[in-house]
PDB file of N, CA and C in Angstrom:
ATOM      1  N   MET A   1       0.854  -1.182   0.000  1.00  0.00           N
ATOM      2  CA  MET A   1       0.000   0.000   0.000  1.00  0.00           C
ATOM      3  C   MET A   1       0.892   1.235   0.000  1.00  0.00           C
ATOM      4  N   LEU A   2       0.492   2.238  -0.713  1.00  0.00           N
ATOM      5  CA  LEU A   2       1.261   3.473  -0.760  1.00  0.00           C
ATOM      6  C   LEU A   2       1.164   4.202   0.570  1.00  0.00           C
ATOM      7  N   SER A   3       2.289   4.692   1.040  1.00  0.00           N
ATOM      8  CA  SER A   3       2.276   5.483   2.268  1.00  0.00           C
ATOM      9  C   SER A   3       2.004   6.946   1.970  1.00  0.00           C
ATOM     10  N   ASN A   4       2.077   7.325   0.709  1.00  0.00           N
ATOM     11  CA  ASN A   4       1.852   8.696   0.302  1.00  0.00           C
ATOM     12  C   ASN A   4       0.357   8.998   0.378  1.00  0.00           C
ATOM     13  N   ASN A   5      -0.028  10.027   1.123  1.00  0.00           N
ATOM     14  CA  ASN A   5      -1.447  10.293   1.314  1.00  0.00           C
ATOM     15  C   ASN A   5      -2.088  10.999   0.131  1.00  0.00           C
ATOM     16  N   ARG A   6      -1.385  11.174  -0.970  1.00  0.00           N
ATOM     17  CA  ARG A   6      -1.989  11.763  -2.164  1.00  0.00           C
ATOM     18  C   ARG A   6      -2.898  10.769  -2.881  1.00  0.00           C
ATOM     19  N   TYR A   7      -2.831   9.510  -2.528  1.00  0.00           N
ATOM     20  CA  TYR A   7      -3.594   8.469  -3.182  1.00  0.00           C
ATOM     21  C   TYR A   7      -4.428   7.713  -2.159  1.00  0.00           C
ATOM     22  N   ARG A   8      -5.546   7.163  -2.602  1.00  0.00           N
ATOM     23  CA  ARG A   8      -6.290   6.272  -1.722  1.00  0.00           C
ATOM     24  C   ARG A   8      -6.691   5.049  -2.530  1.00  0.00           C
ATOM     25  N   SER A   9      -6.772   3.936  -1.886  1.00  0.00           N
ATOM     26  CA  SER A   9      -7.101   2.700  -2.563  1.00  0.00           C
ATOM     27  C   SER A   9      -8.578   2.687  -2.912  1.00  0.00           C
ATOM     28  N   LEU A  10      -8.894   2.329  -4.151  1.00  0.00           N
ATOM     29  CA  LEU A  10     -10.290   2.201  -4.553  1.00  0.00           C
ATOM     30  C   LEU A  10     -10.776   0.769  -4.410  1.00  0.00           C
ATOM     31  N   THR A  11     -10.024  -0.151  -4.935  1.00  0.00           N
ATOM     32  CA  THR A  11     -10.437  -1.555  -4.890  1.00  0.00           C
ATOM     33  C   THR A  11      -9.221  -2.441  -4.760  1.00  0.00           C
ATOM     34  N   MET A  12      -9.444  -3.626  -4.302  1.00  0.00           N
ATOM     35  CA  MET A  12      -8.433  -4.666  -4.275  1.00  0.00           C
ATOM     36  C   MET A  12      -9.028  -5.799  -5.099  1.00  0.00           C
ATOM     37  N   ALA A  13      -8.393  -6.164  -6.184  1.00  0.00           N
ATOM     38  CA  ALA A  13      -8.956  -7.166  -7.083  1.00  0.00           C
ATOM     39  C   ALA A  13      -7.900  -8.177  -7.470  1.00  0.00           C
ATOM     40  N   ALA A  14      -8.357  -9.305  -7.967  1.00  0.00           N
ATOM     41  CA  ALA A  14      -7.422 -10.314  -8.442  1.00  0.00           C
ATOM     42  C   ALA A  14      -6.809  -9.856  -9.746  1.00  0.00           C
ATOM     43  N   SER A  15      -5.555 -10.168  -9.921  1.00  0.00           N
ATOM     44  CA  SER A  15      -4.866  -9.846 -11.162  1.00  0.00           C
ATOM     45  C   SER A  15      -5.501 -10.646 -12.296  1.00  0.00           C
ATOM     46  N   PRO A  16      -5.598 -10.082 -13.497  1.00  0.00           N
ATOM     47  CA  PRO A  16      -6.159 -10.845 -14.607  1.00  0.00           C
ATOM     48  C   PRO A  16      -5.303 -12.059 -14.977  1.00  0.00           C
ATOM     49  N   LEU A  17      -4.032 -12.052 -14.577  1.00  0.00           N
ATOM     50  CA  LEU A  17      -3.151 -13.160 -14.930  1.00  0.00           C
ATOM     51  C   LEU A  17      -3.239 -14.319 -13.946  1.00  0.00           C
ATOM     52  N   THR A  18      -3.501 -14.031 -12.711  1.00  0.00           N
ATOM     53  CA  THR A  18      -3.589 -15.079 -11.702  1.00  0.00           C
ATOM     54  C   THR A  18      -4.350 -14.567 -10.498  1.00  0.00           C
ATOM     55  N   SER A  19      -5.081 -15.413  -9.845  1.00  0.00           N
ATOM     56  CA  SER A  19      -5.873 -14.992  -8.679  1.00  0.00           C
ATOM     57  C   SER A  19      -5.027 -14.917  -7.413  1.00  0.00           C
ATOM     58  N   ARG A  20      -3.779 -15.328  -7.475  1.00  0.00           N
ATOM     59  CA  ARG A  20      -2.932 -15.326  -6.273  1.00  0.00           C
ATOM     60  C   ARG A  20      -2.287 -13.984  -5.982  1.00  0.00           C
ATOM     61  N   HIS A  21      -2.276 -13.040  -6.914  1.00  0.00           N
ATOM     62  CA  HIS A  21      -1.598 -11.770  -6.730  1.00  0.00           C
ATOM     63  C   HIS A  21      -2.599 -10.628  -6.819  1.00  0.00           C
ATOM     64  N   PRO A  22      -3.025 -10.077  -5.687  1.00  0.00           N
ATOM     65  CA  PRO A  22      -3.990  -8.974  -5.748  1.00  0.00           C
ATOM     66  C   PRO A  22      -3.374  -7.728  -6.374  1.00  0.00           C
ATOM     67  N   THR A  23      -4.188  -6.971  -7.038  1.00  0.00           N
ATOM     68  CA  THR A  23      -3.776  -5.732  -7.673  1.00  0.00           C
ATOM     69  C   THR A  23      -4.564  -4.588  -7.060  1.00  0.00           C
ATOM     70  N   ALA A  24      -3.883  -3.583  -6.577  1.00  0.00           N
ATOM     71  CA  ALA A  24      -4.566  -2.426  -5.996  1.00  0.00           C
ATOM     72  C   ALA A  24      -4.751  -1.375  -7.075  1.00  0.00           C
ATOM     73  N   MET A  25      -5.894  -0.746  -7.056  1.00  0.00           N
ATOM     74  CA  MET A  25      -6.157   0.363  -7.962  1.00  0.00           C
ATOM     75  C   MET A  25      -6.220   1.624  -7.117  1.00  0.00           C
ATOM     76  N   PHE A  26      -5.635   2.695  -7.604  1.00  0.00           N
ATOM     77  CA  PHE A  26      -5.554   3.918  -6.829  1.00  0.00           C
ATOM     78  C   PHE A  26      -6.168   5.094  -7.578  1.00  0.00           C
ATOM     79  N   MET A  27      -6.706   6.028  -6.845  1.00  0.00           N
ATOM     80  CA  MET A  27      -7.244   7.242  -7.431  1.00  0.00           C
ATOM     81  C   MET A  27      -6.558   8.429  -6.780  1.00  0.00           C
ATOM     82  N   CYS A  28      -6.178   9.372  -7.580  1.00  0.00           N
ATOM     83  CA  CYS A  28      -5.532  10.562  -7.051  1.00  0.00           C
ATOM     84  C   CYS A  28      -6.578  11.468  -6.430  1.00  0.00           C
ATOM     85  N   GLU A  29      -6.303  11.968  -5.233  1.00  0.00           N
ATOM     86  CA  GLU A  29      -7.207  12.890  -4.568  1.00  0.00           C
ATOM     87  C   GLU A  29      -6.798  14.340  -4.789  1.00  0.00           C
ATOM     88  N   SER A  30      -5.720  14.565  -5.513  1.00  0.00           N
ATOM     89  CA  SER A  30      -5.234  15.918  -5.751  1.00  0.00           C
ATOM     90  C   SER A  30      -5.826  16.458  -7.031  1.00  0.00           C
ATOM     91  N   ASN A  31      -5.845  17.765  -7.147  1.00  0.00           N
ATOM     92  CA  ASN A  31      -6.321  18.346  -8.399  1.00  0.00           C
ATOM     93  C   ASN A  31      -5.197  18.378  -9.423  1.00  0.00           C
ATOM     94  N   ALA A  32      -5.544  18.722 -10.660  1.00  0.00           N
ATOM     95  CA  ALA A  32      -4.566  18.682 -11.748  1.00  0.00           C
ATOM     96  C   ALA A  32      -3.397  19.638 -11.515  1.00  0.00           C
ATOM     97  N   ALA A  33      -3.670  20.802 -10.959  1.00  0.00           N
ATOM     98  CA  ALA A  33      -2.590  21.773 -10.738  1.00  0.00           C
ATOM     99  C   ALA A  33      -1.556  21.238  -9.766  1.00  0.00           C
ATOM    100  N   SER A  34      -1.984  20.603  -8.698  1.00  0.00           N
ATOM    101  CA  SER A  34      -1.000  20.084  -7.741  1.00  0.00           C
ATOM    102  C   SER A  34      -0.263  18.880  -8.316  1.00  0.00           C
ATOM    103  N   MET A  35      -0.922  18.078  -9.149  1.00  0.00           N
ATOM    104  CA  MET A  35      -0.234  16.955  -9.782  1.00  0.00           C
ATOM    105  C   MET A  35       0.817  17.469 -10.768  1.00  0.00           C
ATOM    106  N   GLU A  36       0.499  18.545 -11.463  1.00  0.00           N
ATOM    107  CA  GLU A  36       1.475  19.148 -12.363  1.00  0.00           C
ATOM    108  C   GLU A  36       2.683  19.644 -11.583  1.00  0.00           C
ATOM    109  N   GLN A  37       2.450  20.237 -10.411  1.00  0.00           N
ATOM    110  CA  GLN A  37       3.548  20.730  -9.577  1.00  0.00           C
ATOM    111  C   GLN A  37       4.407  19.572  -9.069  1.00  0.00           C
ATOM    112  N   ILE A  38       3.766  18.482  -8.677  1.00  0.00           N
ATOM    113  CA  ILE A  38       4.502  17.301  -8.221  1.00  0.00           C
ATOM    114  C   ILE A  38       5.384  16.775  -9.349  1.00  0.00           C
ATOM    115  N   PHE A  39       4.833  16.689 -10.566  1.00  0.00           N
ATOM    116  CA  PHE A  39       5.608  16.230 -11.722  1.00  0.00           C
ATOM    117  C   PHE A  39       6.773  17.176 -11.998  1.00  0.00           C
ATOM    118  N   ASP A  40       6.495  18.492 -12.024  1.00  0.00           N
ATOM    119  CA  ASP A  40       7.545  19.470 -12.294  1.00  0.00           C
ATOM    120  C   ASP A  40       8.673  19.393 -11.271  1.00  0.00           C
ATOM    121  N   ASP A  41       8.319  19.278  -9.998  1.00  0.00           N
ATOM    122  CA  ASP A  41       9.330  19.192  -8.943  1.00  0.00           C
ATOM    123  C   ASP A  41      10.199  17.953  -9.112  1.00  0.00           C
ATOM    124  N   ASP A  42       9.565  16.816  -9.401  1.00  0.00           N
ATOM    125  CA  ASP A  42      10.303  15.571  -9.560  1.00  0.00           C
ATOM    126  C   ASP A  42      11.165  15.610 -10.819  1.00  0.00           C
ATOM    127  N   HIS A  43      10.610  16.111 -11.890  1.00  0.00           N
ATOM    128  CA  HIS A  43      11.342  16.214 -13.158  1.00  0.00           C
ATOM    129  C   HIS A  43      12.557  17.125 -13.010  1.00  0.00           C
ATOM    130  N   THR A  44      12.366  18.272 -12.364  1.00  0.00           N
ATOM    131  CA  THR A  44      13.471  19.208 -12.129  1.00  0.00           C
ATOM    132  C   THR A  44      14.556  18.563 -11.281  1.00  0.00           C
ATOM    133  N   ALA A  45      14.178  17.897 -10.208  1.00  0.00           N
ATOM    134  CA  ALA A  45      15.158  17.236  -9.338  1.00  0.00           C
ATOM    135  C   ALA A  45      15.951  16.177 -10.101  1.00  0.00           C
ATOM    136  N   THR A  46      15.279  15.452 -10.986  1.00  0.00           N
ATOM    137  CA  THR A  46      15.956  14.419 -11.774  1.00  0.00           C
ATOM    138  C   THR A  46      16.983  15.033 -12.716  1.00  0.00           C
ATOM    139  N   ILE A  47      16.594  16.085 -13.423  1.00  0.00           N
ATOM    140  CA  ILE A  47      17.525  16.727 -14.364  1.00  0.00           C
ATOM    141  C   ILE A  47      18.703  17.362 -13.624  1.00  0.00           C
ATOM    142  N   LEU A  48      18.434  18.006 -12.509  1.00  0.00           N
ATOM    143  CA  LEU A  48      19.526  18.608 -11.726  1.00  0.00           C
ATOM    144  C   LEU A  48      20.460  17.548 -11.159  1.00  0.00           C
ATOM    145  N   SER A  49      19.934  16.371 -10.865  1.00  0.00           N
ATOM    146  CA  SER A  49      20.761  15.299 -10.284  1.00  0.00           C
ATOM    147  C   SER A  49      21.773  14.736 -11.271  1.00  0.00           C
ATOM    148  N   ILE A  50      21.582  15.006 -12.572  1.00  0.00           N
ATOM    149  CA  ILE A  50      22.554  14.536 -13.572  1.00  0.00           C
ATOM    150  C   ILE A  50      23.380  15.706 -14.112  1.00  0.00           C
ATOM    151  N   ASP A  51      23.585  16.694 -13.230  1.00  0.00           N
ATOM    152  CA  ASP A  51      24.539  17.796 -13.435  1.00  0.00           C
ATOM    153  C   ASP A  51      24.114  18.895 -14.406  1.00  0.00           C
ATOM    154  N   TYR A  52      22.852  18.951 -14.761  1.00  0.00           N
ATOM    155  CA  TYR A  52      22.365  20.089 -15.546  1.00  0.00           C
ATOM    156  C   TYR A  52      22.127  21.269 -14.610  1.00  0.00           C
ATOM    157  N   SER A  53      22.118  22.468 -15.163  1.00  0.00           N
ATOM    158  CA  SER A  53      21.815  23.689 -14.410  1.00  0.00           C
ATOM    159  C   SER A  53      20.561  24.319 -14.999  1.00  0.00           C
ATOM    160  N   GLN A  54      19.784  24.990 -14.143  1.00  0.00           N
ATOM    161  CA  GLN A  54      18.607  25.710 -14.620  1.00  0.00           C
ATOM    162  C   GLN A  54      19.017  27.077 -15.139  1.00  0.00           C
ATOM    163  N   PHE A  55      18.320  27.542 -16.166  1.00  0.00           N
ATOM    164  CA  PHE A  55      18.501  28.921 -16.609  1.00  0.00           C
ATOM    165  C   PHE A  55      17.944  29.841 -15.531  1.00  0.00           C
ATOM    166  N   GLU A  56      18.598  30.939 -15.269  1.00  0.00           N
ATOM    167  CA  GLU A  56      18.129  31.878 -14.244  1.00  0.00           C
ATOM    168  C   GLU A  56      16.772  32.471 -14.583  1.00  0.00           C
ATOM    169  N   GLY A  57      16.548  32.823 -15.827  1.00  0.00           N
ATOM    170  CA  GLY A  57      15.307  33.481 -16.212  1.00  0.00           C
ATOM    171  C   GLY A  57      14.165  32.539 -16.544  1.00  0.00           C
ATOM    172  N   ASP A  58      14.421  31.226 -16.598  1.00  0.00           N
ATOM    173  CA  ASP A  58      13.383  30.272 -16.978  1.00  0.00           C
ATOM    174  C   ASP A  58      13.626  28.931 -16.292  1.00  0.00           C
ATOM    175  N   PRO A  59      12.887  28.636 -15.237  1.00  0.00           N
ATOM    176  CA  PRO A  59      13.127  27.403 -14.489  1.00  0.00           C
ATOM    177  C   PRO A  59      12.748  26.124 -15.229  1.00  0.00           C
ATOM    178  N   ARG A  60      12.171  26.222 -16.412  1.00  0.00           N
ATOM    179  CA  ARG A  60      11.809  25.037 -17.195  1.00  0.00           C
ATOM    180  C   ARG A  60      12.853  24.731 -18.269  1.00  0.00           C
ATOM    181  N   LYS A  61      13.963  25.481 -18.270  1.00  0.00           N
ATOM    182  CA  LYS A  61      15.048  25.218 -19.209  1.00  0.00           C
ATOM    183  C   LYS A  61      16.308  24.858 -18.437  1.00  0.00           C
ATOM    184  N   PHE A  62      17.038  23.880 -18.969  1.00  0.00           N
ATOM    185  CA  PHE A  62      18.238  23.363 -18.314  1.00  0.00           C
ATOM    186  C   PHE A  62      19.362  23.279 -19.340  1.00  0.00           C
ATOM    187  N   HIS A  63      20.599  23.381 -18.861  1.00  0.00           N
ATOM    188  CA  HIS A  63      21.734  23.282 -19.770  1.00  0.00           C
ATOM    189  C   HIS A  63      22.932  22.653 -19.077  1.00  0.00           C
ATOM    190  N   ILE A  64      23.804  22.115 -19.912  1.00  0.00           N
ATOM    191  CA  ILE A  64      25.080  21.589 -19.451  1.00  0.00           C
ATOM    192  C   ILE A  64      26.093  21.859 -20.558  1.00  0.00           C
ATOM    193  N   VAL A  65      27.305  22.210 -20.170  1.00  0.00           N
ATOM    194  CA  VAL A  65      28.385  22.521 -21.113  1.00  0.00           C
ATOM    195  C   VAL A  65      29.557  21.602 -20.803  1.00  0.00           C
ATOM    196  N   CYS A  66      30.173  21.075 -21.841  1.00  0.00           N
ATOM    197  CA  CYS A  66      31.339  20.207 -21.685  1.00  0.00           C
ATOM    198  C   CYS A  66      32.491  21.003 -21.073  1.00  0.00           C
ATOM    199  N   LEU A  67      33.115  20.465 -20.040  1.00  0.00           N
ATOM    200  CA  LEU A  67      34.211  21.161 -19.362  1.00  0.00           C
ATOM    201  C   LEU A  67      35.474  21.239 -20.208  1.00  0.00           C
ATOM    202  N   THR A  68      35.680  20.263 -21.086  1.00  0.00           N
ATOM    203  CA  THR A  68      36.900  20.248 -21.894  1.00  0.00           C
ATOM    204  C   THR A  68      36.728  20.888 -23.263  1.00  0.00           C
ATOM    205  N   ASP A  69      35.481  21.080 -23.695  1.00  0.00           N
ATOM    206  CA  ASP A  69      35.211  21.719 -24.988  1.00  0.00           C
ATOM    207  C   ASP A  69      33.916  22.529 -24.867  1.00  0.00           C
ATOM    208  N   PRO A  70      34.029  23.809 -24.547  1.00  0.00           N
ATOM    209  CA  PRO A  70      32.833  24.621 -24.313  1.00  0.00           C
ATOM    210  C   PRO A  70      31.934  24.829 -25.541  1.00  0.00           C
ATOM    211  N   THR A  71      32.354  24.349 -26.703  1.00  0.00           N
ATOM    212  CA  THR A  71      31.463  24.416 -27.863  1.00  0.00           C
ATOM    213  C   THR A  71      30.436  23.282 -27.849  1.00  0.00           C
ATOM    214  N   LYS A  72      30.639  22.320 -26.955  1.00  0.00           N
ATOM    215  CA  LYS A  72      29.693  21.204 -26.810  1.00  0.00           C
ATOM    216  C   LYS A  72      28.745  21.502 -25.654  1.00  0.00           C
ATOM    217  N   PHE A  73      27.454  21.416 -25.928  1.00  0.00           N
ATOM    218  CA  PHE A  73      26.450  21.715 -24.897  1.00  0.00           C
ATOM    219  C   PHE A  73      25.148  20.978 -25.199  1.00  0.00           C
ATOM    220  N   VAL A  74      24.286  20.923 -24.182  1.00  0.00           N
ATOM    221  CA  VAL A  74      22.919  20.417 -24.331  1.00  0.00           C
ATOM    222  C   VAL A  74      22.007  21.396 -23.609  1.00  0.00           C
ATOM    223  N   ILE A  75      20.945  21.826 -24.274  1.00  0.00           N
ATOM    224  CA  ILE A  75      19.912  22.661 -23.670  1.00  0.00           C
ATOM    225  C   ILE A  75      18.603  21.889 -23.765  1.00  0.00           C
ATOM    226  N   ILE A  76      17.916  21.752 -22.640  1.00  0.00           N
ATOM    227  CA  ILE A  76      16.647  21.032 -22.589  1.00  0.00           C
ATOM    228  C   ILE A  76      15.544  22.005 -22.189  1.00  0.00           C
ATOM    229  N   ASN A  77      14.481  22.042 -22.970  1.00  0.00           N
ATOM    230  CA  ASN A  77      13.304  22.843 -22.679  1.00  0.00           C
ATOM    231  C   ASN A  77      12.198  21.891 -22.232  1.00  0.00           C
ATOM    232  N   THR A  78      11.663  22.080 -21.020  1.00  0.00           N
ATOM    233  CA  THR A  78      10.662  21.147 -20.485  1.00  0.00           C
ATOM    234  C   THR A  78       9.310  21.810 -20.256  1.00  0.00           C
ATOM    235  N   HIS A  79       8.974  22.808 -21.032  1.00  0.00           N
ATOM    236  CA  HIS A  79       7.670  23.449 -20.884  1.00  0.00           C
ATOM    237  C   HIS A  79       6.549  22.479 -21.237  1.00  0.00           C
ATOM    238  N   VAL A  80       5.456  22.598 -20.515  1.00  0.00           N
ATOM    239  CA  VAL A  80       4.253  21.791 -20.674  1.00  0.00           C
ATOM    240  C   VAL A  80       4.616  20.318 -20.499  1.00  0.00           C
ATOM    241  N   ASP A  81       4.040  19.409 -21.273  1.00  0.00           N
ATOM    242  CA  ASP A  81       4.291  17.983 -21.085  1.00  0.00           C
ATOM    243  C   ASP A  81       5.201  17.389 -22.159  1.00  0.00           C
ATOM    244  N   ASP A  82       5.714  18.219 -23.014  1.00  0.00           N
ATOM    245  CA  ASP A  82       6.681  17.745 -23.990  1.00  0.00           C
ATOM    246  C   ASP A  82       7.910  18.640 -23.896  1.00  0.00           C
ATOM    247  N   GLY A  83       8.910  18.305 -24.590  1.00  0.00           N
ATOM    248  CA  GLY A  83      10.121  19.099 -24.471  1.00  0.00           C
ATOM    249  C   GLY A  83      10.827  19.256 -25.792  1.00  0.00           C
ATOM    250  N   GLY A  84      11.872  20.036 -25.748  1.00  0.00           N
ATOM    251  CA  GLY A  84      12.701  20.222 -26.912  1.00  0.00           C
ATOM    252  C   GLY A  84      14.149  20.242 -26.492  1.00  0.00           C
ATOM    253  N   VAL A  85      15.021  19.891 -27.414  1.00  0.00           N
ATOM    254  CA  VAL A  85      16.449  19.837 -27.106  1.00  0.00           C
ATOM    255  C   VAL A  85      17.221  20.490 -28.241  1.00  0.00           C
ATOM    256  N   ILE A  86      18.213  21.273 -27.857  1.00  0.00           N
ATOM    257  CA  ILE A  86      19.203  21.811 -28.790  1.00  0.00           C
ATOM    258  C   ILE A  86      20.546  21.319 -28.261  1.00  0.00           C
ATOM    259  N   HIS A  87      21.347  20.737 -29.127  1.00  0.00           N
ATOM    260  CA  HIS A  87      22.640  20.243 -28.618  1.00  0.00           C
ATOM    261  C   HIS A  87      23.703  20.202 -29.699  1.00  0.00           C
ATOM    262  N   THR A  88      24.934  20.272 -29.230  1.00  0.00           N
ATOM    263  CA  THR A  88      26.111  20.042 -30.067  1.00  0.00           C
ATOM    264  C   THR A  88      26.967  18.932 -29.451  1.00  0.00           C
ATOM    265  N   TRP A  89      26.433  18.302 -28.415  1.00  0.00           N
ATOM    266  CA  TRP A  89      27.166  17.284 -27.647  1.00  0.00           C
ATOM    267  C   TRP A  89      26.361  15.993 -27.670  1.00  0.00           C
ATOM    268  N   GLN A  90      26.505  15.233 -28.749  1.00  0.00           N
ATOM    269  CA  GLN A  90      25.700  14.042 -28.960  1.00  0.00           C
ATOM    270  C   GLN A  90      25.864  13.011 -27.854  1.00  0.00           C
ATOM    271  N   ALA A  91      27.090  12.781 -27.401  1.00  0.00           N
ATOM    272  CA  ALA A  91      27.325  11.759 -26.368  1.00  0.00           C
ATOM    273  C   ALA A  91      26.559  12.098 -25.083  1.00  0.00           C
ATOM    274  N   LYS A  92      26.583  13.346 -24.670  1.00  0.00           N
ATOM    275  CA  LYS A  92      25.867  13.741 -23.439  1.00  0.00           C
ATOM    276  C   LYS A  92      24.359  13.651 -23.633  1.00  0.00           C
ATOM    277  N   TYR A  93      23.884  14.050 -24.791  1.00  0.00           N
ATOM    278  CA  TYR A  93      22.455  13.928 -25.096  1.00  0.00           C
ATOM    279  C   TYR A  93      22.022  12.460 -25.027  1.00  0.00           C
ATOM    280  N   ASP A  94      22.796  11.570 -25.653  1.00  0.00           N
ATOM    281  CA  ASP A  94      22.468  10.139 -25.610  1.00  0.00           C
ATOM    282  C   ASP A  94      22.489   9.616 -24.178  1.00  0.00           C
ATOM    283  N   GLU A  95      23.445  10.052 -23.395  1.00  0.00           N
ATOM    284  CA  GLU A  95      23.543   9.640 -21.978  1.00  0.00           C
ATOM    285  C   GLU A  95      22.334  10.145 -21.184  1.00  0.00           C
ATOM    286  N   THR A  96      21.888  11.337 -21.486  1.00  0.00           N
ATOM    287  CA  THR A  96      20.748  11.915 -20.773  1.00  0.00           C
ATOM    288  C   THR A  96      19.471  11.139 -21.043  1.00  0.00           C
ATOM    289  N   LEU A  97      19.292  10.683 -22.276  1.00  0.00           N
ATOM    290  CA  LEU A  97      18.107   9.905 -22.618  1.00  0.00           C
ATOM    291  C   LEU A  97      18.091   8.632 -21.830  1.00  0.00           C
TER     292      LEU A  97
END
């Protein structure tokens, strides 16, 4: 059972594959705005944890520059639910994916 109080259990049912493993179904009790904030916070923490930096003027944009060749960089735009990337550093972009 989830310890996070953002969810509550709706039903406990048998798995369609076997009756020995119950499957819990959950419903979010939060509104869409707070769920978006939870996603944004988690997404930001994940990107920052792999050494990207946030742009000062736009918290939904992140960048990283190669320390040995400053012409190599990756910029990630995470506005809304999709994103965009501009890069000259293919290896770092592939690693980020």
